[in-house]
Amino acid sequence: GTVLAVLDAARHPPQALADALALEVVLDEDGKFMAGREVTSRDLHDAQ
């Protein structure tokens, strides 16, 4: 369920991107980085 753009890390460091997008860093160790933020959470009614 994920769609991604693959960027050059030298030009766009992950921490800088996370800061610019106000993301919560959940992993930053051993060369691995992961940050995220929930943008949408809404109720939907399935009529069927």
Full PDB file with SEQRES, HELIX, SHEET, SSBOND, CRYST1, ORIGX, SCALE, CONECT and MASTER records, all heavy atoms in Angstrom:
SEQRES   1 A   48  GLY THR VAL LEU ALA VAL LEU ASP ALA ALA ARG HIS PRO          
SEQRES   2 A   48  PRO GLN ALA LEU ALA ASP ALA LEU ALA LEU GLU VAL VAL          
SEQRES   3 A   48  LEU ASP GLU ASP GLY LYS PHE MET ALA GLY ARG GLU VAL          
SEQRES   4 A   48  THR SER ARG ASP LEU HIS ASP ALA GLN                          
HELIX    1 AA1 PRO A   14  ALA A   20  1                                   7    
SHEET    1 AA1 2 GLU A  24  GLU A  29  0                                        
SHEET    2 AA1 2 LYS A  32  GLY A  36 -1                                        
CRYST1    1.000    1.000    1.000  90.00  90.00  90.00 P 1           1          
ORIGX1      1.000000  0.000000  0.000000        0.00000                         
ORIGX2      0.000000  1.000000  0.000000        0.00000                         
ORIGX3      0.000000  0.000000  1.000000        0.00000                         
SCALE1      1.000000  0.000000  0.000000        0.00000                         
SCALE2      0.000000  1.000000  0.000000        0.00000                         
SCALE3      0.000000  0.000000  1.000000        0.00000                         
ATOM      1  N   GLY A   1       0.799  -1.220   0.000  1.00  0.00           N  
ATOM      2  CA  GLY A   1       0.000   0.000   0.000  1.00  0.00           C  
ATOM      3  C   GLY A   1       0.826   1.261   0.000  1.00  0.00           C  
ATOM      4  O   GLY A   1       0.314   2.333   0.336  1.00  0.00           O  
ATOM      5  N   THR A   2       2.104   1.151  -0.382  1.00  0.00           N  
ATOM      6  CA  THR A   2       3.005   2.291  -0.329  1.00  0.00           C  
ATOM      7  C   THR A   2       3.521   2.652  -1.712  1.00  0.00           C  
ATOM      8  O   THR A   2       3.916   1.768  -2.475  1.00  0.00           O  
ATOM      9  CB  THR A   2       4.216   1.981   0.581  1.00  0.00           C  
ATOM     10  OG1 THR A   2       3.749   1.641   1.883  1.00  0.00           O  
ATOM     11  CG2 THR A   2       5.158   3.166   0.681  1.00  0.00           C  
ATOM     12  N   VAL A   3       3.536   3.944  -2.033  1.00  0.00           N  
ATOM     13  CA  VAL A   3       4.127   4.429  -3.284  1.00  0.00           C  
ATOM     14  C   VAL A   3       5.249   5.394  -2.910  1.00  0.00           C  
ATOM     15  O   VAL A   3       5.084   6.253  -2.037  1.00  0.00           O  
ATOM     16  CB  VAL A   3       3.068   5.100  -4.187  1.00  0.00           C  
ATOM     17  CG1 VAL A   3       2.320   6.216  -3.478  1.00  0.00           C  
ATOM     18  CG2 VAL A   3       3.711   5.603  -5.473  1.00  0.00           C  
ATOM     19  N   LEU A   4       6.412   5.212  -3.554  1.00  0.00           N  
ATOM     20  CA  LEU A   4       7.631   5.880  -3.129  1.00  0.00           C  
ATOM     21  C   LEU A   4       8.353   6.561  -4.286  1.00  0.00           C  
ATOM     22  O   LEU A   4       8.373   6.044  -5.405  1.00  0.00           O  
ATOM     23  CB  LEU A   4       8.605   4.854  -2.526  1.00  0.00           C  
ATOM     24  CG  LEU A   4       8.110   4.041  -1.333  1.00  0.00           C  
ATOM     25  CD1 LEU A   4       8.818   2.698  -1.286  1.00  0.00           C  
ATOM     26  CD2 LEU A   4       8.347   4.816  -0.054  1.00  0.00           C  
ATOM     27  N   ALA A   5       8.974   7.680  -3.993  1.00  0.00           N  
ATOM     28  CA  ALA A   5       9.939   8.293  -4.892  1.00  0.00           C  
ATOM     29  C   ALA A   5      11.320   7.913  -4.385  1.00  0.00           C  
ATOM     30  O   ALA A   5      11.581   7.937  -3.177  1.00  0.00           O  
ATOM     31  CB  ALA A   5       9.786   9.813  -4.896  1.00  0.00           C  
ATOM     32  N   VAL A   6      12.208   7.542  -5.310  1.00  0.00           N  
ATOM     33  CA  VAL A   6      13.571   7.145  -4.950  1.00  0.00           C  
ATOM     34  C   VAL A   6      14.492   8.330  -5.237  1.00  0.00           C  
ATOM     35  O   VAL A   6      14.667   8.722  -6.392  1.00  0.00           O  
ATOM     36  CB  VAL A   6      14.012   5.904  -5.744  1.00  0.00           C  
ATOM     37  CG1 VAL A   6      15.406   5.471  -5.315  1.00  0.00           C  
ATOM     38  CG2 VAL A   6      13.014   4.755  -5.552  1.00  0.00           C  
ATOM     39  N   LEU A   7      15.052   8.906  -4.171  1.00  0.00           N  
ATOM     40  CA  LEU A   7      15.848  10.125  -4.290  1.00  0.00           C  
ATOM     41  C   LEU A   7      17.320   9.861  -3.976  1.00  0.00           C  
ATOM     42  O   LEU A   7      17.668   8.863  -3.342  1.00  0.00           O  
ATOM     43  CB  LEU A   7      15.310  11.192  -3.328  1.00  0.00           C  
ATOM     44  CG  LEU A   7      13.818  11.512  -3.387  1.00  0.00           C  
ATOM     45  CD1 LEU A   7      13.460  12.544  -2.315  1.00  0.00           C  
ATOM     46  CD2 LEU A   7      13.415  12.004  -4.765  1.00  0.00           C  
ATOM     47  N   ASP A   8      18.172  10.785  -4.412  1.00  0.00           N  
ATOM     48  CA  ASP A   8      19.596  10.733  -4.127  1.00  0.00           C  
ATOM     49  C   ASP A   8      19.822  11.201  -2.687  1.00  0.00           C  
ATOM     50  O   ASP A   8      19.544  12.358  -2.346  1.00  0.00           O  
ATOM     51  CB  ASP A   8      20.334  11.641  -5.109  1.00  0.00           C  
ATOM     52  CG  ASP A   8      21.852  11.574  -4.961  1.00  0.00           C  
ATOM     53  OD1 ASP A   8      22.325  11.069  -3.927  1.00  0.00           O  
ATOM     54  OD2 ASP A   8      22.557  12.035  -5.870  1.00  0.00           O  
ATOM     55  N   ALA A   9      20.340  10.308  -1.832  1.00  0.00           N  
ATOM     56  CA  ALA A   9      20.511  10.638  -0.419  1.00  0.00           C  
ATOM     57  C   ALA A   9      21.572  11.716  -0.204  1.00  0.00           C  
ATOM     58  O   ALA A   9      21.502  12.466   0.778  1.00  0.00           O  
ATOM     59  CB  ALA A   9      20.877   9.382   0.368  1.00  0.00           C  
ATOM     60  N   ALA A  10      22.550  11.809  -1.096  1.00  0.00           N  
ATOM     61  CA  ALA A  10      23.585  12.835  -0.936  1.00  0.00           C  
ATOM     62  C   ALA A  10      22.991  14.233  -1.103  1.00  0.00           C  
ATOM     63  O   ALA A  10      23.365  15.171  -0.400  1.00  0.00           O  
ATOM     64  CB  ALA A  10      24.706  12.607  -1.945  1.00  0.00           C  
ATOM     65  N   ARG A  11      22.057  14.371  -2.025  1.00  0.00           N  
ATOM     66  CA  ARG A  11      21.406  15.669  -2.245  1.00  0.00           C  
ATOM     67  C   ARG A  11      20.251  15.908  -1.287  1.00  0.00           C  
ATOM     68  O   ARG A  11      19.916  17.053  -0.978  1.00  0.00           O  
ATOM     69  CB  ARG A  11      20.903  15.746  -3.684  1.00  0.00           C  
ATOM     70  CG  ARG A  11      21.993  15.750  -4.738  1.00  0.00           C  
ATOM     71  CD  ARG A  11      21.396  15.940  -6.126  1.00  0.00           C  
ATOM     72  NE  ARG A  11      22.407  16.004  -7.161  1.00  0.00           N  
ATOM     73  CZ  ARG A  11      22.145  16.210  -8.450  1.00  0.00           C  
ATOM     74  NH1 ARG A  11      20.888  16.371  -8.845  1.00  0.00           N  
ATOM     75  NH2 ARG A  11      23.120  16.244  -9.325  1.00  0.00           N  
ATOM     76  N   HIS A  12      19.645  14.825  -0.831  1.00  0.00           N  
ATOM     77  CA  HIS A  12      18.462  14.935   0.031  1.00  0.00           C  
ATOM     78  C   HIS A  12      18.631  13.986   1.222  1.00  0.00           C  
ATOM     79  O   HIS A  12      18.025  12.915   1.262  1.00  0.00           O  
ATOM     80  CB  HIS A  12      17.194  14.601  -0.761  1.00  0.00           C  
ATOM     81  CG  HIS A  12      17.062  15.377  -2.029  1.00  0.00           C  
ATOM     82  ND1 HIS A  12      16.649  16.691  -2.059  1.00  0.00           N  
ATOM     83  CD2 HIS A  12      17.326  15.044  -3.321  1.00  0.00           C  
ATOM     84  CE1 HIS A  12      16.648  17.128  -3.306  1.00  0.00           C  
ATOM     85  NE2 HIS A  12      17.056  16.148  -4.087  1.00  0.00           N  
ATOM     86  N   PRO A  13      19.452  14.370   2.194  1.00  0.00           N  
ATOM     87  CA  PRO A  13      19.681  13.511   3.359  1.00  0.00           C  
ATOM     88  C   PRO A  13      18.367  13.180   4.066  1.00  0.00           C  
ATOM     89  O   PRO A  13      17.487  14.044   4.178  1.00  0.00           O  
ATOM     90  CB  PRO A  13      20.587  14.367   4.253  1.00  0.00           C  
ATOM     91  CG  PRO A  13      21.208  15.356   3.325  1.00  0.00           C  
ATOM     92  CD  PRO A  13      20.192  15.631   2.267  1.00  0.00           C  
ATOM     93  N   PRO A  14      18.213  11.935   4.522  1.00  0.00           N  
ATOM     94  CA  PRO A  14      16.939  11.543   5.134  1.00  0.00           C  
ATOM     95  C   PRO A  14      16.540  12.381   6.339  1.00  0.00           C  
ATOM     96  O   PRO A  14      15.366  12.718   6.501  1.00  0.00           O  
ATOM     97  CB  PRO A  14      17.160  10.069   5.515  1.00  0.00           C  
ATOM     98  CG  PRO A  14      18.627   9.834   5.409  1.00  0.00           C  
ATOM     99  CD  PRO A  14      19.150  10.804   4.420  1.00  0.00           C  
ATOM    100  N   GLN A  15      17.515  12.750   7.189  1.00  0.00           N  
ATOM    101  CA  GLN A  15      17.165  13.557   8.362  1.00  0.00           C  
ATOM    102  C   GLN A  15      16.659  14.931   7.941  1.00  0.00           C  
ATOM    103  O   GLN A  15      15.699  15.453   8.529  1.00  0.00           O  
ATOM    104  CB  GLN A  15      18.373  13.705   9.280  1.00  0.00           C  
ATOM    105  CG  GLN A  15      18.079  14.473  10.568  1.00  0.00           C  
ATOM    106  CD  GLN A  15      17.105  13.760  11.474  1.00  0.00           C  
ATOM    107  OE1 GLN A  15      17.409  12.710  12.015  1.00  0.00           O  
ATOM    108  NE2 GLN A  15      15.911  14.340  11.658  1.00  0.00           N  
ATOM    109  N   ALA A  16      17.278  15.511   6.910  1.00  0.00           N  
ATOM    110  CA  ALA A  16      16.833  16.820   6.436  1.00  0.00           C  
ATOM    111  C   ALA A  16      15.424  16.744   5.864  1.00  0.00           C  
ATOM    112  O   ALA A  16      14.602  17.637   6.097  1.00  0.00           O  
ATOM    113  CB  ALA A  16      17.808  17.353   5.380  1.00  0.00           C  
ATOM    114  N   LEU A  17      15.136  15.673   5.121  1.00  0.00           N  
ATOM    115  CA  LEU A  17      13.783  15.495   4.591  1.00  0.00           C  
ATOM    116  C   LEU A  17      12.780  15.329   5.727  1.00  0.00           C  
ATOM    117  O   LEU A  17      11.695  15.912   5.707  1.00  0.00           O  
ATOM    118  CB  LEU A  17      13.738  14.264   3.678  1.00  0.00           C  
ATOM    119  CG  LEU A  17      14.095  14.446   2.210  1.00  0.00           C  
ATOM    120  CD1 LEU A  17      14.086  13.092   1.500  1.00  0.00           C  
ATOM    121  CD2 LEU A  17      13.135  15.408   1.521  1.00  0.00           C  
ATOM    122  N   ALA A  18      13.136  14.507   6.719  1.00  0.00           N  
ATOM    123  CA  ALA A  18      12.235  14.283   7.856  1.00  0.00           C  
ATOM    124  C   ALA A  18      11.966  15.587   8.595  1.00  0.00           C  
ATOM    125  O   ALA A  18      10.825  15.868   8.993  1.00  0.00           O  
ATOM    126  CB  ALA A  18      12.838  13.244   8.799  1.00  0.00           C  
ATOM    127  N   ASP A  19      12.990  16.397   8.784  1.00  0.00           N  
ATOM    128  CA  ASP A  19      12.811  17.687   9.468  1.00  0.00           C  
ATOM    129  C   ASP A  19      11.892  18.601   8.662  1.00  0.00           C  
ATOM    130  O   ASP A  19      10.999  19.253   9.212  1.00  0.00           O  
ATOM    131  CB  ASP A  19      14.165  18.367   9.681  1.00  0.00           C  
ATOM    132  CG  ASP A  19      15.028  17.657  10.715  1.00  0.00           C  
ATOM    133  OD1 ASP A  19      14.480  16.837  11.476  1.00  0.00           O  
ATOM    134  OD2 ASP A  19      16.245  17.910  10.741  1.00  0.00           O  
ATOM    135  N   ALA A  20      12.115  18.652   7.346  1.00  0.00           N  
ATOM    136  CA  ALA A  20      11.315  19.536   6.499  1.00  0.00           C  
ATOM    137  C   ALA A  20       9.846  19.130   6.490  1.00  0.00           C  
ATOM    138  O   ALA A  20       8.960  19.982   6.356  1.00  0.00           O  
ATOM    139  CB  ALA A  20      11.867  19.530   5.070  1.00  0.00           C  
ATOM    140  N   LEU A  21       9.582  17.826   6.654  1.00  0.00           N  
ATOM    141  CA  LEU A  21       8.211  17.314   6.601  1.00  0.00           C  
ATOM    142  C   LEU A  21       7.608  17.106   7.986  1.00  0.00           C  
ATOM    143  O   LEU A  21       6.490  16.596   8.106  1.00  0.00           O  
ATOM    144  CB  LEU A  21       8.183  15.996   5.827  1.00  0.00           C  
ATOM    145  CG  LEU A  21       8.580  16.101   4.347  1.00  0.00           C  
ATOM    146  CD1 LEU A  21       8.810  14.723   3.750  1.00  0.00           C  
ATOM    147  CD2 LEU A  21       7.505  16.849   3.565  1.00  0.00           C  
ATOM    148  N   ALA A  22       8.349  17.485   9.033  1.00  0.00           N  
ATOM    149  CA  ALA A  22       7.887  17.340  10.415  1.00  0.00           C  
ATOM    150  C   ALA A  22       7.535  15.895  10.732  1.00  0.00           C  
ATOM    151  O   ALA A  22       6.483  15.590  11.314  1.00  0.00           O  
ATOM    152  CB  ALA A  22       6.689  18.258  10.683  1.00  0.00           C  
ATOM    153  N   LEU A  23       8.427  14.976  10.364  1.00  0.00           N  
ATOM    154  CA  LEU A  23       8.193  13.554  10.610  1.00  0.00           C  
ATOM    155  C   LEU A  23       8.839  13.123  11.929  1.00  0.00           C  
ATOM    156  O   LEU A  23       9.854  13.678  12.354  1.00  0.00           O  
ATOM    157  CB  LEU A  23       8.780  12.710   9.469  1.00  0.00           C  
ATOM    158  CG  LEU A  23       8.339  13.069   8.051  1.00  0.00           C  
ATOM    159  CD1 LEU A  23       8.924  12.063   7.056  1.00  0.00           C  
ATOM    160  CD2 LEU A  23       6.827  13.108   7.933  1.00  0.00           C  
ATOM    161  N   GLU A  24       8.253  12.101  12.544  1.00  0.00           N  
ATOM    162  CA  GLU A  24       8.797  11.525  13.771  1.00  0.00           C  
ATOM    163  C   GLU A  24       9.814  10.449  13.395  1.00  0.00           C  
ATOM    164  O   GLU A  24       9.487   9.491  12.696  1.00  0.00           O  
ATOM    165  CB  GLU A  24       7.681  10.911  14.612  1.00  0.00           C  
ATOM    166  CG  GLU A  24       8.188  10.181  15.850  1.00  0.00           C  
ATOM    167  CD  GLU A  24       7.096   9.389  16.545  1.00  0.00           C  
ATOM    168  OE1 GLU A  24       5.942   9.442  16.087  1.00  0.00           O  
ATOM    169  OE2 GLU A  24       7.418   8.698  17.532  1.00  0.00           O  
ATOM    170  N   VAL A  25      11.033  10.599  13.860  1.00  0.00           N  
ATOM    171  CA  VAL A  25      12.073   9.603  13.582  1.00  0.00           C  
ATOM    172  C   VAL A  25      11.881   8.410  14.516  1.00  0.00           C  
ATOM    173  O   VAL A  25      11.843   8.571  15.743  1.00  0.00           O  
ATOM    174  CB  VAL A  25      13.481  10.201  13.759  1.00  0.00           C  
ATOM    175  CG1 VAL A  25      14.554   9.125  13.558  1.00  0.00           C  
ATOM    176  CG2 VAL A  25      13.693  11.357  12.792  1.00  0.00           C  
ATOM    177  N   VAL A  26      11.758   7.215  13.936  1.00  0.00           N  
ATOM    178  CA  VAL A  26      11.560   6.015  14.744  1.00  0.00           C  
ATOM    179  C   VAL A  26      12.741   5.057  14.645  1.00  0.00           C  
ATOM    180  O   VAL A  26      12.829   4.104  15.407  1.00  0.00           O  
ATOM    181  CB  VAL A  26      10.256   5.287  14.351  1.00  0.00           C  
ATOM    182  CG1 VAL A  26       9.044   6.118  14.716  1.00  0.00           C  
ATOM    183  CG2 VAL A  26      10.227   4.951  12.865  1.00  0.00           C  
ATOM    184  N   LEU A  27      13.639   5.298  13.711  1.00  0.00           N  
ATOM    185  CA  LEU A  27      14.834   4.470  13.589  1.00  0.00           C  
ATOM    186  C   LEU A  27      15.935   5.290  12.930  1.00  0.00           C  
ATOM    187  O   LEU A  27      15.731   5.860  11.860  1.00  0.00           O  
ATOM    188  CB  LEU A  27      14.546   3.228  12.741  1.00  0.00           C  
ATOM    189  CG  LEU A  27      15.746   2.296  12.467  1.00  0.00           C  
ATOM    190  CD1 LEU A  27      16.238   1.666  13.773  1.00  0.00           C  
ATOM    191  CD2 LEU A  27      15.373   1.212  11.467  1.00  0.00           C  
ATOM    192  N   ASP A  28      17.094   5.324  13.584  1.00  0.00           N  
ATOM    193  CA  ASP A  28      18.261   6.015  13.021  1.00  0.00           C  
ATOM    194  C   ASP A  28      19.504   5.394  13.636  1.00  0.00           C  
ATOM    195  O   ASP A  28      20.083   5.918  14.583  1.00  0.00           O  
ATOM    196  CB  ASP A  28      18.197   7.519  13.309  1.00  0.00           C  
ATOM    197  CG  ASP A  28      19.322   8.288  12.606  1.00  0.00           C  
ATOM    198  OD1 ASP A  28      20.034   7.676  11.793  1.00  0.00           O  
ATOM    199  OD2 ASP A  28      19.460   9.496  12.871  1.00  0.00           O  
ATOM    200  N   GLU A  29      19.891   4.250  13.095  1.00  0.00           N  
ATOM    201  CA  GLU A  29      21.063   3.553  13.607  1.00  0.00           C  
ATOM    202  C   GLU A  29      21.580   2.559  12.576  1.00  0.00           C  
ATOM    203  O   GLU A  29      20.829   2.049  11.751  1.00  0.00           O  
ATOM    204  CB  GLU A  29      20.754   2.826  14.916  1.00  0.00           C  
ATOM    205  CG  GLU A  29      19.673   1.777  14.809  1.00  0.00           C  
ATOM    206  CD  GLU A  29      19.333   1.124  16.144  1.00  0.00           C  
ATOM    207  OE1 GLU A  29      19.521   1.771  17.192  1.00  0.00           O  
ATOM    208  OE2 GLU A  29      18.877  -0.026  16.128  1.00  0.00           O  
ATOM    209  N   ASP A  30      22.874   2.291  12.627  1.00  0.00           N  
ATOM    210  CA  ASP A  30      23.520   1.316  11.740  1.00  0.00           C  
ATOM    211  C   ASP A  30      23.213   1.587  10.273  1.00  0.00           C  
ATOM    212  O   ASP A  30      23.028   0.653   9.473  1.00  0.00           O  
ATOM    213  CB  ASP A  30      23.081  -0.113  12.097  1.00  0.00           C  
ATOM    214  CG  ASP A  30      23.454  -0.493  13.526  1.00  0.00           C  
ATOM    215  OD1 ASP A  30      24.511  -0.014  13.998  1.00  0.00           O  
ATOM    216  OD2 ASP A  30      22.704  -1.250  14.156  1.00  0.00           O  
ATOM    217  N   GLY A  31      23.151   2.861   9.913  1.00  0.00           N  
ATOM    218  CA  GLY A  31      22.908   3.213   8.516  1.00  0.00           C  
ATOM    219  C   GLY A  31      21.470   3.094   8.073  1.00  0.00           C  
ATOM    220  O   GLY A  31      21.158   3.330   6.900  1.00  0.00           O  
ATOM    221  N   LYS A  32      20.568   2.735   8.979  1.00  0.00           N  
ATOM    222  CA  LYS A  32      19.154   2.625   8.644  1.00  0.00           C  
ATOM    223  C   LYS A  32      18.389   3.814   9.227  1.00  0.00           C  
ATOM    224  O   LYS A  32      18.662   4.240  10.354  1.00  0.00           O  
ATOM    225  CB  LYS A  32      18.562   1.314   9.180  1.00  0.00           C  
ATOM    226  CG  LYS A  32      19.161   0.076   8.542  1.00  0.00           C  
ATOM    227  CD  LYS A  32      18.509  -1.185   9.089  1.00  0.00           C  
ATOM    228  CE  LYS A  32      19.082  -2.431   8.451  1.00  0.00           C  
ATOM    229  NZ  LYS A  32      18.463  -3.673   8.981  1.00  0.00           N  
ATOM    230  N   PHE A  33      17.447   4.301   8.454  1.00  0.00           N  
ATOM    231  CA  PHE A  33      16.668   5.478   8.881  1.00  0.00           C  
ATOM    232  C   PHE A  33      15.212   5.267   8.515  1.00  0.00           C  
ATOM    233  O   PHE A  33      14.891   4.768   7.437  1.00  0.00           O  
ATOM    234  CB  PHE A  33      17.191   6.737   8.188  1.00  0.00           C  
ATOM    235  CG  PHE A  33      16.539   8.002   8.654  1.00  0.00           C  
ATOM    236  CD1 PHE A  33      17.073   8.734   9.698  1.00  0.00           C  
ATOM    237  CD2 PHE A  33      15.376   8.475   8.046  1.00  0.00           C  
ATOM    238  CE1 PHE A  33      16.467   9.916  10.140  1.00  0.00           C  
ATOM    239  CE2 PHE A  33      14.770   9.638   8.474  1.00  0.00           C  
ATOM    240  CZ  PHE A  33      15.316  10.364   9.523  1.00  0.00           C  
ATOM    241  N   MET A  34      14.333   5.630   9.438  1.00  0.00           N  
ATOM    242  CA  MET A  34      12.895   5.580   9.159  1.00  0.00           C  
ATOM    243  C   MET A  34      12.188   6.640   9.985  1.00  0.00           C  
ATOM    244  O   MET A  34      12.437   6.775  11.188  1.00  0.00           O  
ATOM    245  CB  MET A  34      12.313   4.201   9.472  1.00  0.00           C  
ATOM    246  CG  MET A  34      10.850   4.048   9.071  1.00  0.00           C  
ATOM    247  SD  MET A  34      10.210   2.378   9.383  1.00  0.00           S  
ATOM    248  CE  MET A  34      11.116   1.465   8.140  1.00  0.00           C  
ATOM    249  N   ALA A  35      11.349   7.416   9.322  1.00  0.00           N  
ATOM    250  CA  ALA A  35      10.573   8.447   9.994  1.00  0.00           C  
ATOM    251  C   ALA A  35       9.204   8.531   9.339  1.00  0.00           C  
ATOM    252  O   ALA A  35       9.053   8.203   8.154  1.00  0.00           O  
ATOM    253  CB  ALA A  35      11.280   9.800   9.920  1.00  0.00           C  
ATOM    254  N   GLY A  36       8.197   8.950  10.097  1.00  0.00           N  
ATOM    255  CA  GLY A  36       6.860   9.013   9.518  1.00  0.00           C  
ATOM    256  C   GLY A  36       5.916   9.905  10.302  1.00  0.00           C  
ATOM    257  O   GLY A  36       6.212  10.317  11.430  1.00  0.00           O  
ATOM    258  N   ARG A  37       4.806  10.189   9.678  1.00  0.00           N  
ATOM    259  CA  ARG A  37       3.756  10.992  10.316  1.00  0.00           C  
ATOM    260  C   ARG A  37       2.420  10.661   9.647  1.00  0.00           C  
ATOM    261  O   ARG A  37       2.328  10.618   8.424  1.00  0.00           O  
ATOM    262  CB  ARG A  37       4.056  12.489  10.171  1.00  0.00           C  
ATOM    263  CG  ARG A  37       2.931  13.419  10.627  1.00  0.00           C  
ATOM    264  CD  ARG A  37       3.411  14.863  10.672  1.00  0.00           C  
ATOM    265  NE  ARG A  37       3.931  15.344   9.409  1.00  0.00           N  
ATOM    266  CZ  ARG A  37       3.182  15.880   8.437  1.00  0.00           C  
ATOM    267  NH1 ARG A  37       1.855  15.962   8.574  1.00  0.00           N  
ATOM    268  NH2 ARG A  37       3.736  16.319   7.314  1.00  0.00           N  
ATOM    269  N   GLU A  38       1.400  10.430  10.466  1.00  0.00           N  
ATOM    270  CA  GLU A  38       0.072  10.177   9.913  1.00  0.00           C  
ATOM    271  C   GLU A  38      -0.525  11.500   9.442  1.00  0.00           C  
ATOM    272  O   GLU A  38      -0.702  12.435  10.214  1.00  0.00           O  
ATOM    273  CB  GLU A  38      -0.839   9.528  10.949  1.00  0.00           C  
ATOM    274  CG  GLU A  38      -2.167   9.072  10.352  1.00  0.00           C  
ATOM    275  CD  GLU A  38      -2.996   8.270  11.340  1.00  0.00           C  
ATOM    276  OE1 GLU A  38      -3.166   8.737  12.484  1.00  0.00           O  
ATOM    277  OE2 GLU A  38      -3.474   7.190  10.973  1.00  0.00           O  
ATOM    278  N   VAL A  39      -0.833  11.549   8.160  1.00  0.00           N  
ATOM    279  CA  VAL A  39      -1.367  12.764   7.548  1.00  0.00           C  
ATOM    280  C   VAL A  39      -2.884  12.725   7.522  1.00  0.00           C  
ATOM    281  O   VAL A  39      -3.549  13.754   7.713  1.00  0.00           O  
ATOM    282  CB  VAL A  39      -0.814  12.922   6.113  1.00  0.00           C  
ATOM    283  CG1 VAL A  39      -1.445  14.105   5.401  1.00  0.00           C  
ATOM    284  CG2 VAL A  39       0.701  13.062   6.144  1.00  0.00           C  
ATOM    285  N   THR A  40      -3.443  11.543   7.289  1.00  0.00           N  
ATOM    286  CA  THR A  40      -4.895  11.392   7.179  1.00  0.00           C  
ATOM    287  C   THR A  40      -5.376  10.238   8.042  1.00  0.00           C  
ATOM    288  O   THR A  40      -4.759   9.173   8.068  1.00  0.00           O  
ATOM    289  CB  THR A  40      -5.307  11.102   5.713  1.00  0.00           C  
ATOM    290  OG1 THR A  40      -4.907  12.183   4.886  1.00  0.00           O  
ATOM    291  CG2 THR A  40      -6.808  10.900   5.599  1.00  0.00           C  
ATOM    292  N   SER A  41      -6.447  10.461   8.772  1.00  0.00           N  
ATOM    293  CA  SER A  41      -7.145   9.396   9.481  1.00  0.00           C  
ATOM    294  C   SER A  41      -8.613   9.792   9.526  1.00  0.00           C  
ATOM    295  O   SER A  41      -8.979  10.736  10.218  1.00  0.00           O  
ATOM    296  CB  SER A  41      -6.595   9.209  10.900  1.00  0.00           C  
ATOM    297  OG  SER A  41      -7.302   8.169  11.563  1.00  0.00           O  
ATOM    298  N   ARG A  42      -9.435   9.090   8.748  1.00  0.00           N  
ATOM    299  CA  ARG A  42     -10.843   9.485   8.685  1.00  0.00           C  
ATOM    300  C   ARG A  42     -11.729   8.258   8.546  1.00  0.00           C  
ATOM    301  O   ARG A  42     -11.310   7.219   8.041  1.00  0.00           O  
ATOM    302  CB  ARG A  42     -11.067  10.437   7.517  1.00  0.00           C  
ATOM    303  CG  ARG A  42     -10.699   9.874   6.154  1.00  0.00           C  
ATOM    304  CD  ARG A  42     -10.737  10.951   5.097  1.00  0.00           C  
ATOM    305  NE  ARG A  42     -10.236  10.498   3.807  1.00  0.00           N  
ATOM    306  CZ  ARG A  42      -9.756  11.298   2.863  1.00  0.00           C  
ATOM    307  NH1 ARG A  42      -9.722  12.601   3.061  1.00  0.00           N  
ATOM    308  NH2 ARG A  42      -9.314  10.809   1.724  1.00  0.00           N  
ATOM    309  N   ASP A  43     -12.961   8.407   8.992  1.00  0.00           N  
ATOM    310  CA  ASP A  43     -13.939   7.327   8.914  1.00  0.00           C  
ATOM    311  C   ASP A  43     -14.594   7.291   7.540  1.00  0.00           C  
ATOM    312  O   ASP A  43     -14.906   8.341   6.965  1.00  0.00           O  
ATOM    313  CB  ASP A  43     -15.025   7.504   9.975  1.00  0.00           C  
ATOM    314  CG  ASP A  43     -14.482   7.390  11.393  1.00  0.00           C  
ATOM    315  OD1 ASP A  43     -13.410   6.774  11.559  1.00  0.00           O  
ATOM    316  OD2 ASP A  43     -15.119   7.903  12.321  1.00  0.00           O  
ATOM    317  N   LEU A  44     -14.790   6.094   7.039  1.00  0.00           N  
ATOM    318  CA  LEU A  44     -15.501   5.894   5.784  1.00  0.00           C  
ATOM    319  C   LEU A  44     -16.593   4.860   6.007  1.00  0.00           C  
ATOM    320  O   LEU A  44     -16.393   3.873   6.706  1.00  0.00           O  
ATOM    321  CB  LEU A  44     -14.551   5.392   4.689  1.00  0.00           C  
ATOM    322  CG  LEU A  44     -13.468   6.340   4.197  1.00  0.00           C  
ATOM    323  CD1 LEU A  44     -12.580   5.631   3.182  1.00  0.00           C  
ATOM    324  CD2 LEU A  44     -14.080   7.579   3.563  1.00  0.00           C  
ATOM    325  N   HIS A  45     -17.734   5.097   5.396  1.00  0.00           N  
ATOM    326  CA  HIS A  45     -18.839   4.140   5.499  1.00  0.00           C  
ATOM    327  C   HIS A  45     -18.906   3.318   4.228  1.00  0.00           C  
ATOM    328  O   HIS A  45     -19.037   3.863   3.125  1.00  0.00           O  
ATOM    329  CB  HIS A  45     -20.169   4.865   5.727  1.00  0.00           C  
ATOM    330  CG  HIS A  45     -21.342   3.933   5.827  1.00  0.00           C  
ATOM    331  ND1 HIS A  45     -22.241   3.756   4.802  1.00  0.00           N  
ATOM    332  CD2 HIS A  45     -21.731   3.104   6.826  1.00  0.00           C  
ATOM    333  CE1 HIS A  45     -23.155   2.872   5.164  1.00  0.00           C  
ATOM    334  NE2 HIS A  45     -22.864   2.463   6.397  1.00  0.00           N  
ATOM    335  N   ASP A  46     -18.786   2.003   4.374  1.00  0.00           N  
ATOM    336  CA  ASP A  46     -18.893   1.093   3.245  1.00  0.00           C  
ATOM    337  C   ASP A  46     -20.372   0.760   3.059  1.00  0.00           C  
ATOM    338  O   ASP A  46     -20.960   0.008   3.833  1.00  0.00           O  
ATOM    339  CB  ASP A  46     -18.085  -0.176   3.525  1.00  0.00           C  
ATOM    340  CG  ASP A  46     -18.064  -1.133   2.346  1.00  0.00           C  
ATOM    341  OD1 ASP A  46     -18.911  -0.974   1.453  1.00  0.00           O  
ATOM    342  OD2 ASP A  46     -17.214  -2.029   2.319  1.00  0.00           O  
ATOM    343  N   ALA A  47     -20.981   1.358   2.046  1.00  0.00           N  
ATOM    344  CA  ALA A  47     -22.420   1.182   1.832  1.00  0.00           C  
ATOM    345  C   ALA A  47     -22.775  -0.274   1.544  1.00  0.00           C  
ATOM    346  O   ALA A  47     -23.876  -0.723   1.855  1.00  0.00           O  
ATOM    347  CB  ALA A  47     -22.883   2.077   0.679  1.00  0.00           C  
ATOM    348  N   GLN A  48     -21.866  -1.029   0.953  1.00  0.00           N  
ATOM    349  CA  GLN A  48     -22.173  -2.413   0.586  1.00  0.00           C  
ATOM    350  C   GLN A  48     -22.231  -3.326   1.804  1.00  0.00           C  
ATOM    351  O   GLN A  48     -23.134  -4.142   1.937  1.00  0.00           O  
ATOM    352  CB  GLN A  48     -21.125  -2.941  -0.401  1.00  0.00           C  
ATOM    353  CG  GLN A  48     -21.417  -4.357  -0.913  1.00  0.00           C  
ATOM    354  CD  GLN A  48     -20.484  -4.749  -2.044  1.00  0.00           C  
ATOM    355  OE1 GLN A  48     -19.989  -3.887  -2.770  1.00  0.00           O  
ATOM    356  NE2 GLN A  48     -20.242  -6.034  -2.196  1.00  0.00           N  
TER     357      GLN A  48                                                      
MASTER        0    0    0    1    2    0    0    6  356    1    0    4          
END                                                                             
